[in-house]
Protein backbone atom coordinates (compact mmCIF):
# COMPACT_ATOMS: atom_id res chain seq x y z
CA UNK A 1 0.00 0.00 0.00
CA UNK A 2 1.28 3.44 -0.87
CA UNK A 3 -0.01 6.72 0.34
CA UNK A 4 -0.11 10.03 -1.27
CA UNK A 5 2.20 12.76 -0.15
CA UNK A 6 1.85 16.40 0.70
CA UNK A 7 2.95 19.16 -1.62
CA UNK A 8 3.88 22.64 -0.43
CA UNK A 9 1.12 24.68 1.20
CA UNK A 10 -0.79 27.19 -0.90
CA UNK A 11 -2.03 30.41 0.69
CA UNK A 12 -5.71 30.19 1.62
CA UNK A 13 -6.09 27.12 -0.57
CA UNK A 14 -5.88 23.40 -0.09
CA UNK A 15 -2.89 21.15 -0.29
CA UNK A 16 -3.58 18.70 -3.07
CA UNK A 17 -1.89 15.39 -2.55
CA UNK A 18 -0.90 13.62 -5.68
CA UNK A 19 -0.96 9.92 -6.34
CA UNK A 20 0.73 7.62 -3.95
CA UNK A 21 4.35 7.84 -3.04
CA UNK A 22 5.41 11.31 -4.03
CA UNK A 23 6.12 13.21 -0.92
CA UNK A 24 5.99 11.40 2.33
CA UNK A 25 8.89 8.99 2.26
CA UNK A 26 8.03 8.04 5.84
CA UNK A 27 5.93 5.61 3.93
CA UNK A 28 2.72 3.70 3.67
CA UNK A 29 0.95 1.77 6.34
CA UNK A 30 2.22 -1.74 6.90
CA UNK A 31 0.04 -4.23 5.09
CA UNK A 32 -0.11 -7.97 4.77
CA UNK A 33 2.42 -9.85 2.65
CA UNK A 34 2.78 -8.46 -0.85
CA UNK A 35 0.39 -10.20 -3.24
CA UNK A 36 2.03 -12.46 -5.80
CA UNK A 37 -0.97 -13.67 -7.82
CA UNK A 38 -2.07 -11.62 -10.79
CA UNK A 39 -5.64 -12.51 -9.79
CA UNK A 40 -5.25 -10.48 -6.58
CA UNK A 41 -6.45 -6.91 -7.30
CA UNK A 42 -3.65 -5.63 -5.05
CA UNK A 43 -1.05 -7.19 -7.36
CA UNK A 44 0.73 -4.66 -9.56
CA UNK A 45 3.75 -5.68 -11.67
CA UNK A 46 5.36 -2.27 -11.21
CA UNK A 47 5.34 -2.71 -7.44
CA UNK A 48 8.30 -5.10 -7.73
CA UNK A 49 10.47 -2.06 -8.54
CA UNK A 50 9.25 -0.13 -5.52
CA UNK A 51 10.32 -0.44 -1.88
CA UNK A 52 8.95 -3.33 0.10
CA UNK A 53 6.87 -2.56 3.17
CA UNK A 54 9.81 -3.50 5.39
CA UNK A 55 12.18 -1.21 3.48
CA UNK A 56 9.66 1.61 3.76
CA UNK A 57 9.46 1.13 7.53
CA UNK A 58 13.26 1.12 7.81
CA UNK A 59 13.65 4.28 5.72
CA UNK A 60 10.85 6.00 7.64
CA UNK A 61 12.39 5.27 11.02
CA UNK A 62 15.83 6.41 9.85
CA UNK A 63 14.37 9.55 8.33
CA UNK A 64 12.62 10.58 11.52
CA UNK A 65 15.62 9.57 13.63
CA UNK A 66 17.81 11.99 11.67
CA UNK A 67 15.10 14.65 11.68
CA UNK A 68 14.82 14.33 15.46
CA UNK A 69 18.57 14.88 15.84
CA UNK A 70 18.34 17.89 13.53
CA UNK A 71 15.50 19.37 15.57
CA UNK A 72 17.49 19.01 18.78
CA UNK A 73 20.42 20.71 17.04
CA UNK A 74 18.11 23.58 16.09
CA UNK A 75 17.18 24.08 19.73
CA UNK A 76 14.11 21.86 20.17
CA UNK A 77 15.51 19.88 23.10
CA UNK A 78 12.04 18.71 24.09
CA UNK A 79 11.96 16.49 20.99
CA UNK A 80 15.02 14.50 22.05
CA UNK A 81 12.85 11.53 22.97
CA UNK A 82 10.31 11.85 20.14
CA UNK A 83 8.96 8.39 19.38
CA UNK A 84 9.78 7.41 15.80
CA UNK A 85 8.41 3.86 15.83
CA UNK A 86 5.82 4.08 14.43
CA UNK A 87 6.88 7.18 12.59
CA UNK A 88 4.72 10.27 13.11
CA UNK A 89 2.27 11.36 10.46
CA UNK A 90 3.39 14.04 8.03
CA UNK A 91 3.46 17.33 10.02
CA UNK A 92 0.43 19.55 9.64
CA UNK A 93 0.75 23.29 9.78
CA UNK A 94 -1.03 24.65 12.87
CA UNK A 95 -4.48 26.10 12.33
CA UNK A 96 -4.84 29.85 12.28
CA UNK A 97 -1.49 30.50 10.58
CA UNK A 98 -2.75 31.73 7.22
CA UNK A 99 -3.01 28.43 5.35
CA UNK A 100 -5.96 26.10 4.92
CA UNK A 101 -4.66 22.59 4.47
CA UNK A 102 -6.70 19.66 3.22
CA UNK A 103 -5.00 16.29 2.94
CA UNK A 104 -6.07 13.54 0.58
CA UNK A 105 -4.68 10.03 0.84
CA UNK A 106 -4.62 7.33 -1.77
CA UNK A 107 -3.38 3.76 -1.71
CA UNK A 108 -2.86 0.84 -4.04
CA UNK A 109 -5.60 -0.99 -2.15
CA UNK A 110 -8.00 1.64 -3.53
CA UNK A 111 -6.48 1.97 -6.98
CA UNK A 112 -9.85 1.11 -8.53
CA UNK A 113 -11.89 2.91 -5.90
CA UNK A 114 -13.96 1.53 -3.06
CA UNK A 115 -14.56 -2.21 -3.20
CA UNK A 116 -15.87 -3.23 0.23
CA UNK A 117 -19.48 -2.14 0.92
CA UNK A 118 -18.96 -2.43 4.67
CA UNK A 119 -15.89 -0.24 4.59
CA UNK A 120 -17.64 2.21 2.27
CA UNK A 121 -20.61 2.44 4.64
CA UNK A 122 -18.24 3.44 7.41
CA UNK A 123 -15.68 5.63 5.66
CA UNK A 124 -17.28 6.68 2.39
CA UNK A 125 -14.44 7.46 0.00
CA UNK A 126 -12.01 8.18 2.85
CA UNK A 127 -10.84 4.69 3.80
CA UNK A 128 -7.24 5.42 2.81
CA UNK A 129 -7.27 8.48 5.07
CA UNK A 130 -8.74 6.44 7.94
CA UNK A 131 -6.05 3.79 7.51
CA UNK A 132 -3.33 6.44 7.53
CA UNK A 133 -4.75 8.00 10.69
CA UNK A 134 -4.76 4.61 12.43
CA UNK A 135 -1.24 3.68 11.40
CA UNK A 136 0.56 6.96 11.98
CA UNK A 137 0.12 9.00 15.17
CA UNK A 138 -0.78 12.60 14.47
CA UNK A 139 1.15 15.11 16.54
CA UNK A 140 0.33 18.76 17.12
CA UNK A 141 3.32 20.89 16.17
CA UNK A 142 3.97 24.52 16.95
CA UNK A 143 4.51 26.73 13.92
CA UNK A 144 8.26 26.93 14.60
CA UNK A 145 8.46 23.12 14.89
CA UNK A 146 6.47 22.68 11.68
CA UNK A 147 8.69 25.08 9.77
CA UNK A 148 11.87 23.50 11.11
CA UNK A 149 10.65 20.01 10.18
CA UNK A 150 9.34 20.77 6.70
CA UNK A 151 10.85 24.04 5.48
CA UNK A 152 7.45 24.82 3.97
CA UNK A 153 7.44 28.60 4.23
CA UNK A 154 4.70 31.01 3.23
CA UNK A 155 4.45 34.78 3.48
CA UNK A 156 6.83 36.13 6.12
CA UNK A 157 7.54 32.85 7.87
CA UNK A 158 10.93 33.00 9.61
CA UNK A 159 13.68 31.02 7.90
CA UNK A 160 15.63 30.63 11.15
CA UNK A 161 14.79 29.30 14.59
CA UNK A 162 16.66 29.72 17.88
CA UNK A 163 19.42 31.46 15.95
CA UNK A 164 19.86 28.55 13.51
CA UNK A 165 19.08 28.58 9.81
CA UNK A 166 16.44 26.00 8.89
CA UNK A 167 17.83 23.49 6.35
CA UNK A 168 16.41 23.37 2.85
CA UNK A 169 13.13 21.43 3.04
CA UNK A 170 13.56 21.40 6.81
CA UNK A 171 14.96 18.67 9.02
CA UNK A 172 12.94 16.01 7.19
CA UNK A 173 14.43 17.18 3.90
CA UNK A 174 17.92 17.12 5.37
CA UNK A 175 17.27 13.56 6.51
CA UNK A 176 16.08 12.60 3.03
CA UNK A 177 19.33 13.85 1.51
CA UNK A 178 21.37 11.85 4.01
CA UNK A 179 19.44 8.67 3.14
CA UNK A 180 18.77 9.06 -0.58
CA UNK A 181 21.52 11.45 -1.64
CA UNK A 182 18.87 13.88 -2.82
CA UNK A 183 15.30 14.81 -1.98
CA UNK A 184 12.88 12.33 -3.57
CA UNK A 185 10.67 15.25 -4.63
CA UNK A 186 13.51 16.53 -6.84
CA UNK A 187 13.74 13.44 -9.04
CA UNK A 188 11.35 11.57 -11.26
CA UNK A 189 9.95 8.31 -9.91
CA UNK A 190 9.37 6.00 -12.90
CA UNK A 191 7.25 3.62 -10.82
CA UNK A 192 4.79 6.33 -9.91
CA UNK A 193 4.72 7.87 -13.37
CA UNK A 194 4.20 4.50 -15.08
CA UNK A 195 1.50 3.46 -12.61
CA UNK A 196 -0.29 6.67 -13.51
CA UNK A 197 0.25 6.09 -17.22
CA UNK A 198 -1.12 2.57 -16.90
CA UNK A 199 -4.39 3.90 -15.49
CA UNK A 200 -4.60 6.57 -18.18
CA UNK A 201 -4.05 4.05 -20.96
CA UNK A 202 -6.30 1.46 -19.35
CA UNK A 203 -9.29 3.78 -19.23
CA UNK A 204 -9.09 4.06 -23.03
CA UNK A 205 -9.32 0.31 -23.58
CA UNK A 206 -12.79 -0.74 -24.87
CA UNK A 207 -13.15 -3.45 -22.22
CA UNK A 208 -12.46 -0.92 -19.46
CA UNK A 209 -15.02 1.47 -20.96
CA UNK A 210 -17.51 -1.38 -21.12
CA UNK A 211 -16.87 -2.10 -17.43
CA UNK A 212 -17.51 1.58 -16.67
CA UNK A 213 -20.78 1.39 -18.61
CA UNK A 214 -21.94 -1.74 -16.80
CA UNK A 215 -21.08 -0.19 -13.44
CA UNK A 216 -22.85 3.05 -14.44
CA UNK A 217 -26.02 1.14 -15.40
CA UNK A 218 -25.98 -0.59 -12.02
CA UNK A 219 -25.59 2.75 -10.26
CA UNK A 220 -28.54 4.21 -12.18
CA UNK A 221 -30.74 1.43 -10.84
CA UNK A 222 -29.62 2.46 -7.35
CA UNK A 223 -30.53 6.08 -8.06
CA UNK A 224 -27.10 7.53 -8.93
CA UNK A 225 -25.95 8.96 -12.25
CA UNK A 226 -22.21 8.66 -12.74
CA UNK A 227 -20.37 7.63 -15.88
CA UNK A 228 -17.50 5.98 -13.99
CA UNK A 229 -16.33 5.22 -10.45
CA UNK A 230 -13.88 8.09 -10.72
CA UNK A 231 -16.77 10.50 -11.30
CA UNK A 232 -18.57 9.13 -8.24
CA UNK A 233 -15.49 9.57 -6.07
CA UNK A 234 -14.96 13.15 -7.21
CA UNK A 235 -18.68 13.65 -6.77
CA UNK A 236 -19.06 17.31 -7.76
CA UNK A 237 -22.84 17.12 -7.54
CA UNK A 238 -22.66 15.32 -4.21
CA UNK A 239 -20.32 17.95 -2.82
CA UNK A 240 -22.70 20.69 -3.92
CA UNK A 241 -25.53 18.92 -2.14
CA UNK A 242 -23.40 18.50 0.98
CA UNK A 243 -22.54 22.20 0.89
CA UNK A 244 -26.21 23.08 0.62
CA UNK A 245 -26.99 20.81 3.57
CA UNK A 246 -24.34 22.55 5.68
CA UNK A 247 -25.68 25.96 4.70
CA UNK A 248 -29.09 24.76 5.83
CA UNK A 249 -27.74 23.90 9.26
CA UNK A 250 -26.50 20.32 8.88
CA UNK A 251 -24.19 19.24 11.70
CA UNK A 252 -22.02 17.18 9.34
CA UNK A 253 -18.32 17.22 10.21
CA UNK A 254 -16.60 18.68 7.11
CA UNK A 255 -13.52 16.53 7.72
CA UNK A 256 -15.48 13.28 7.75
CA UNK A 257 -17.71 11.54 5.21
CA UNK A 258 -21.29 12.71 5.03
CA UNK A 259 -24.24 10.33 5.08
CA UNK A 260 -24.68 11.00 1.37
CA UNK A 261 -21.05 10.15 0.65
CA UNK A 262 -21.37 6.91 2.61
CA UNK A 263 -24.51 5.88 0.73
CA UNK A 264 -22.93 6.70 -2.62
CA UNK A 265 -19.72 4.82 -1.82
CA UNK A 266 -21.67 1.81 -0.60
CA UNK A 267 -23.68 1.66 -3.82
CA UNK A 268 -20.44 2.13 -5.76
CA UNK A 269 -18.79 -0.86 -4.04
CA UNK A 270 -21.86 -3.06 -4.47
CA UNK A 271 -22.05 -2.27 -8.18
CA UNK A 272 -18.37 -3.10 -8.57
CA UNK A 273 -19.05 -6.49 -7.02
CA UNK A 274 -22.19 -7.15 -9.08
CA UNK A 275 -20.54 -6.26 -12.39
CA UNK A 276 -17.11 -7.82 -11.73
CA UNK A 277 -15.62 -4.39 -12.32
CA UNK A 278 -12.38 -4.75 -10.38
CA UNK A 279 -11.53 -8.13 -11.94
CA UNK A 280 -11.94 -6.69 -15.44
CA UNK A 281 -10.00 -3.45 -15.02
CA UNK A 282 -7.27 -5.05 -12.93
CA UNK A 283 -6.53 -7.58 -15.67
CA UNK A 284 -6.20 -4.72 -18.16
CA UNK A 285 -4.01 -2.78 -15.75
CA UNK A 286 -1.67 -5.74 -15.27
CA UNK A 287 -1.27 -6.27 -19.03
CA UNK A 288 -0.46 -2.62 -19.61
CA UNK A 289 1.99 -2.48 -16.71
CA UNK A 290 3.86 -5.51 -18.06
CA UNK A 291 4.11 -3.80 -21.43
CA UNK A 292 5.34 -0.56 -19.82
CA UNK A 293 7.93 -2.49 -17.82
CA UNK A 294 9.34 -4.03 -20.99
CA UNK A 295 9.69 -0.57 -22.51
CA UNK A 296 11.16 1.12 -19.44
CA UNK A 297 13.20 -1.61 -17.80
CA UNK A 298 16.44 0.39 -17.59
CA UNK A 299 14.82 3.29 -15.71
CA UNK A 300 12.94 0.89 -13.45
CA UNK A 301 16.05 -1.09 -12.60
CA UNK A 302 17.81 2.17 -11.75
CA UNK A 303 14.91 3.03 -9.44
CA UNK A 304 15.12 -0.36 -7.79
CA UNK A 305 18.85 0.16 -7.12
CA UNK A 306 18.15 3.66 -5.78
CA UNK A 307 15.58 2.23 -3.39
CA UNK A 308 17.89 -0.58 -2.29
CA UNK A 309 20.73 1.88 -1.63
CA UNK A 310 18.42 4.06 0.45
CA UNK A 311 17.16 1.10 2.48
CA UNK A 312 20.73 -0.06 3.09
CA UNK A 313 21.81 3.43 4.19
CA UNK A 314 18.77 3.71 6.45
CA UNK A 315 19.55 0.37 8.06
CA UNK A 316 23.14 1.50 8.72
CA UNK A 317 21.87 4.73 10.30
CA UNK A 318 19.61 2.81 12.66
CA UNK A 319 22.32 0.28 13.53
CA UNK A 320 24.78 3.07 14.33
CA UNK A 321 22.31 4.46 16.86
CA UNK A 322 21.19 1.21 18.45
């Protein structure tokens, strides 16, 4: 499972998190053993060039271990005993500091959208977020701690703290450079880009379009009009209705799924099951990924070596401090 990663804050706007793996190298939640059967919808050929769950955990712990040392060096002595196992969630900028920050999580387990009606009834389209919240403890940071950790400055944010210059991309960025040799955000990740390309190409395949149509027909019978699961997840019309409900005095928590979102997601998952949607699109996805691997093997092998080097460096960092 891979989670999406935060980009830099935007003044008075939301942070949009891209597809999995691009900005929070502290990594995805631990999951069960990696699937090996192409019949398992979690199986993705490109994943073999990515870090394993164990490597991700090792790199995450090393990253936060180095970041903790950096924070102490910058004068945050109270963080000397910060727990880094499990690693903390990606730091959130404190409220009331001029930035509105929304965080969206994605994972390979939800590559084709919601699939479990029970999970959908509980979390709507936010199951990946709920999993992230369970796996990674969220900590409240002061603004100075947030800036020192991330180096994500806006407006007149101070670039120094306690008389020390904040490293480029903050202490977490400094840790990344020690582990990877560079910041992951500054280089192209062929695994991520090809996984995205595979979805883009797959959606143009007639069999995928037919699966969308069958799912859409099922949804119409349930009272919903969406051309594809992606449209249902984005849910512009649903969001407008939710906004209207809030304006009319609804007590719905804006950070959680509304009753409407839960009902829509549940119908979505049931229609995927009834039409065999995931089985169809996953098979197409696997074929396309295998073809992309054959065409991009050199870049993918280089990425695999880069990941292995980082995991090895991270393991040495942890051993040196044990």
